[in-house]
Every structure is written in structure tokens, then in C-alpha cells.
Amino acid sequence: MPFPPAPAALASQLQTAGDHVFATRKIDVTPYGIESFRNEASSDPALQDYVLVGFDGYGVNSWAVHYYLVEGPLALFVQLPWGGAYVDADQARERIARVFTWAARLQERVGEARERALIPPGWRLLAVVSTFAHPGFAWLPPQRDAAAPTAEDDSESASAGNLLAAIDEAVDQLLARGVPLGQASP
């Protein structure tokens, strides 16, 4: 299985955070509780950068690989099946590798948008790629409260299985527009 695309500065800080879980920060909730991580990233625009990788789950088939990355304007939460009794290891490995490759490209493209000042301070792309929790994505503005809608906002195409493409399209539109988030097009 490939290692997830963690920025070198964060990857070098990974420490054991539990059985088969590594993180650059203290975690109080099992990675299987993806909603806690998503809610934290959606309600705290000043959340410190971190990465979490590992395997976690319960029972005979509720096991997953977890890759959570908060890096500046990107909060990406990937949770995909791995290791369950009914999971085909080769198919799961292939899917995880595809998603990790996509995640690396997403990081580069969000980095480009940030460098071009298209993502103002406090804005964040929140993306949840999971088969265990509600998938989706949203551009979150800097002024938001804990009750603000989260990743489900822009997930119309997630139900059709096109979530990765929909996220790519949202970033493509931002790069093509050339107008910072929160500002009207000229």
C-alpha cells in the first residue's frame, strides 16, 4: 500500500497516536470517528496543520485506512475500507492508491490557488472522501460558527460517485476564474 501524500514537514513529525495510527498531534477520538475531525476543521478556521494516517475500525468488516490532512486552506479527510472480512485486498489497495494519487494532485492545485492569492486567509476547502461517513465538500469562509453547514453542502454529485471529479471541478473553476474566493467576478 502506498504511503499517503503527506507534506514532508508534517510527515517528519508523525508519532504513534494509537494502535496502527500515527499523527502529528494529540488525538482524543479514534480516527473512525471522522465526524469529529470534520466538525473541528469546519468550525475552526485557525486549526493548526496536521496529518493523521493509520488503520482503525471494529468488528469483522468495519475497518478502514484513514488519511486526514489539514494544511492551510485544505482539510482533507479520507476514510476507505481496508482489512475487513469481506473486503477484497487487491481492489481496496487499488482504490486507495488512486485516491492517494488524486489527493497529491489536489494538494498541488490548492497550493497553486493559495500562491496565486485565490484562497484568502481563513478560507478552507473541506473535503470528506469516505464510504463510512457522509462524503462531500465545501468552500468554507473564514467567518463561520460551529452550527454552520459542513461538507455536505456541495455534495450533489457525491451520491453519483463523482465526488473526486466534483472537487477537481471546483478547484479548476477557482483557478480558471482567477478571482479570489468571496469576491464577485469582474
Protein backbone atom coordinates (compact mmCIF):
# COMPACT_ATOMS: atom_id res chain seq x y z
CA MET A 1 0.00 0.00 0.00
CA PRO A 2 1.41 3.43 -0.86
CA PHE A 3 2.09 5.97 1.84
CA PRO A 4 -0.42 8.85 1.70
CA PRO A 5 0.80 12.15 0.25
CA ALA A 6 1.78 13.94 3.45
CA PRO A 7 3.82 17.13 3.14
CA ALA A 8 7.44 16.40 4.13
CA ALA A 9 7.39 18.88 7.01
CA LEU A 10 4.39 17.12 8.56
CA ALA A 11 5.42 13.56 7.67
CA SER A 12 8.68 14.03 9.55
CA GLN A 13 6.69 14.85 12.71
CA LEU A 14 4.49 11.73 12.71
CA GLN A 15 4.37 9.92 16.04
CA THR A 16 2.45 6.92 17.33
CA ALA A 17 -1.05 8.02 18.35
CA GLY A 18 -2.58 4.57 18.92
CA ASP A 19 -2.52 1.04 17.58
CA HIS A 20 -1.69 1.37 13.85
CA VAL A 21 -2.35 5.15 13.97
CA PHE A 22 0.21 7.92 13.55
CA ALA A 23 -0.37 11.66 13.83
CA THR A 24 1.43 14.96 14.21
CA ARG A 25 -0.90 16.00 17.00
CA LYS A 26 -2.60 14.51 20.03
CA ILE A 27 -5.89 12.85 19.16
CA ASP A 28 -8.69 12.29 21.64
CA VAL A 29 -11.03 10.41 19.29
CA THR A 30 -10.44 7.28 17.26
CA PRO A 31 -9.92 8.08 13.55
CA TYR A 32 -13.01 6.00 12.83
CA GLY A 33 -14.95 8.96 14.30
CA ILE A 34 -14.30 11.03 11.18
CA GLU A 35 -17.18 13.40 12.01
CA SER A 36 -15.26 14.82 15.00
CA PHE A 37 -12.31 15.69 12.78
CA ARG A 38 -14.55 17.12 10.05
CA ASN A 39 -16.51 19.22 12.54
CA GLU A 40 -13.32 20.57 14.10
CA ALA A 41 -11.96 21.63 10.69
CA SER A 42 -15.26 23.17 9.65
CA SER A 43 -15.69 25.24 12.79
CA ASP A 44 -12.09 26.37 13.44
CA PRO A 45 -10.53 28.39 10.61
CA ALA A 46 -7.31 28.70 12.68
CA LEU A 47 -6.89 24.94 13.21
CA GLN A 48 -3.19 24.05 13.18
CA ASP A 49 -1.86 21.96 10.30
CA TYR A 50 -1.66 18.23 10.98
CA VAL A 51 -1.65 14.83 9.34
CA LEU A 52 -3.06 11.57 10.66
CA VAL A 53 -2.58 8.20 8.96
CA GLY A 54 -3.45 4.71 10.03
CA PHE A 55 -5.84 1.82 10.23
CA ASP A 56 -8.77 1.75 12.62
CA GLY A 57 -12.15 0.11 12.95
CA TYR A 58 -14.15 -2.53 14.74
CA GLY A 59 -15.93 -5.82 14.15
CA VAL A 60 -15.20 -8.09 11.23
CA ASN A 61 -15.77 -5.67 8.35
CA SER A 62 -15.77 -2.08 9.63
CA TRP A 63 -12.06 -1.38 9.16
CA ALA A 64 -10.59 1.46 7.18
CA VAL A 65 -7.45 3.24 6.16
CA HIS A 66 -7.55 6.83 7.42
CA TYR A 67 -5.69 9.78 5.94
CA TYR A 68 -6.57 13.15 7.44
CA LEU A 69 -4.70 16.27 6.34
CA VAL A 70 -5.23 19.83 7.45
CA GLU A 71 -2.76 22.07 5.66
CA GLY A 72 -3.59 25.76 5.40
CA PRO A 73 -6.66 26.12 3.20
CA LEU A 74 -7.15 22.38 2.71
CA ALA A 75 -8.85 19.99 5.11
CA LEU A 76 -9.00 16.55 3.50
CA PHE A 77 -10.43 13.51 5.26
CA VAL A 78 -10.08 10.15 3.50
CA GLN A 79 -11.58 7.02 5.06
CA LEU A 80 -11.74 3.93 2.83
CA PRO A 81 -12.37 0.23 3.51
CA TRP A 82 -9.31 -1.87 4.33
CA GLY A 83 -8.84 -5.13 6.16
CA GLY A 84 -12.43 -6.22 6.70
CA ALA A 85 -13.51 -9.83 6.31
CA TYR A 86 -15.44 -9.05 3.12
CA VAL A 87 -13.01 -6.60 1.55
CA ASP A 88 -11.01 -7.73 -1.47
CA ALA A 89 -7.48 -6.59 -0.56
CA ASP A 90 -6.32 -6.09 -4.16
CA GLN A 91 -9.35 -3.98 -5.11
CA ALA A 92 -9.12 -1.97 -1.89
CA ARG A 93 -5.38 -1.36 -2.38
CA GLU A 94 -6.01 -0.18 -5.97
CA ARG A 95 -8.77 2.21 -4.90
CA ILE A 96 -6.70 3.59 -2.01
CA ALA A 97 -3.73 4.14 -4.35
CA ARG A 98 -5.98 6.01 -6.84
CA VAL A 99 -7.38 8.24 -4.10
CA PHE A 100 -3.91 8.95 -2.67
CA THR A 101 -2.68 9.91 -6.17
CA TRP A 102 -5.69 12.20 -6.56
CA ALA A 103 -5.03 13.69 -3.08
CA ALA A 104 -1.44 14.55 -4.04
CA ARG A 105 -2.68 16.40 -7.14
CA LEU A 106 -5.35 18.16 -5.08
CA GLN A 107 -2.71 19.39 -2.62
CA GLU A 108 -0.63 20.77 -5.50
CA ARG A 109 -3.60 22.54 -7.10
CA VAL A 110 -4.84 24.02 -3.81
CA GLY A 111 -1.24 25.13 -3.20
CA GLU A 112 -1.22 26.83 -6.60
CA ALA A 113 -4.50 28.62 -5.81
CA ARG A 114 -3.07 29.74 -2.48
CA GLU A 115 0.14 31.03 -4.13
CA ARG A 116 -1.98 32.98 -6.63
CA ALA A 117 -3.87 34.51 -3.67
CA LEU A 118 -7.14 32.95 -4.85
CA ILE A 119 -7.77 31.47 -1.41
CA PRO A 120 -7.81 34.34 1.08
CA PRO A 121 -6.74 33.78 4.70
CA GLY A 122 -9.29 31.80 6.71
CA TRP A 123 -10.97 30.18 3.70
CA ARG A 124 -10.78 26.40 3.57
CA LEU A 125 -11.68 23.62 1.16
CA LEU A 126 -13.19 20.91 3.34
CA ALA A 127 -13.40 17.52 1.59
CA VAL A 128 -14.61 14.22 3.03
CA VAL A 129 -13.94 11.09 0.94
CA SER A 130 -15.47 8.20 2.86
CA THR A 131 -17.63 5.15 2.41
CA PHE A 132 -18.40 5.07 6.15
CA ALA A 133 -19.48 8.70 6.67
CA HIS A 134 -21.32 11.23 4.53
CA PRO A 135 -18.96 12.30 1.73
CA GLY A 136 -18.89 15.78 0.28
CA PHE A 137 -17.03 19.04 0.09
CA ALA A 138 -17.47 22.77 0.61
CA TRP A 139 -15.54 26.02 0.42
CA LEU A 140 -15.80 27.42 3.93
CA PRO A 141 -15.44 31.17 4.55
CA PRO A 142 -13.40 32.50 7.48
CA GLN A 143 -16.42 33.71 9.45
CA ARG A 144 -18.39 30.65 10.39
CA ASP A 145 -19.80 29.13 13.53
CA ALA A 146 -19.93 25.59 14.82
CA ALA A 147 -23.52 25.25 13.60
CA ALA A 148 -22.58 26.21 10.03
CA PRO A 149 -23.23 23.58 7.38
CA THR A 150 -20.23 21.38 6.66
CA ALA A 151 -19.03 19.19 3.84
CA GLU A 152 -22.46 18.07 2.71
CA ASP A 153 -23.19 21.50 1.19
CA ASP A 154 -21.74 20.91 -2.27
CA SER A 155 -22.03 17.14 -2.43
CA GLU A 156 -24.82 16.78 -5.00
CA SER A 157 -22.53 14.78 -7.30
CA ALA A 158 -21.10 12.73 -4.42
CA SER A 159 -24.14 10.47 -4.46
CA ALA A 160 -23.49 9.76 -8.13
CA GLY A 161 -19.97 8.58 -7.33
CA ASN A 162 -18.33 11.62 -8.84
CA LEU A 163 -17.04 13.28 -5.68
CA LEU A 164 -13.37 13.43 -6.69
CA ALA A 165 -14.30 14.88 -10.08
CA ALA A 166 -16.63 17.42 -8.44
CA ILE A 167 -13.85 18.57 -6.09
CA ASP A 168 -11.45 18.82 -9.03
CA GLU A 169 -14.00 20.88 -10.93
CA ALA A 170 -14.45 23.28 -8.00
CA VAL A 171 -10.68 23.86 -7.81
CA ASP A 172 -10.45 24.11 -11.63
CA GLN A 173 -13.16 26.79 -11.61
CA LEU A 174 -11.32 28.77 -8.95
CA LEU A 175 -8.04 28.59 -10.89
CA ALA A 176 -9.73 29.45 -14.19
CA ARG A 177 -11.73 32.36 -12.77
CA GLY A 178 -8.65 33.91 -11.27
CA VAL A 179 -10.81 35.77 -8.75
CA PRO A 180 -10.28 35.14 -5.02
CA LEU A 181 -12.96 33.26 -3.11
CA GLY A 182 -15.55 35.58 -1.63
CA GLN A 183 -15.16 38.21 -4.36
CA ALA A 184 -17.50 38.72 -7.28
CA SER A 185 -16.17 38.13 -10.79
CA PRO A 186 -15.44 41.33 -12.73
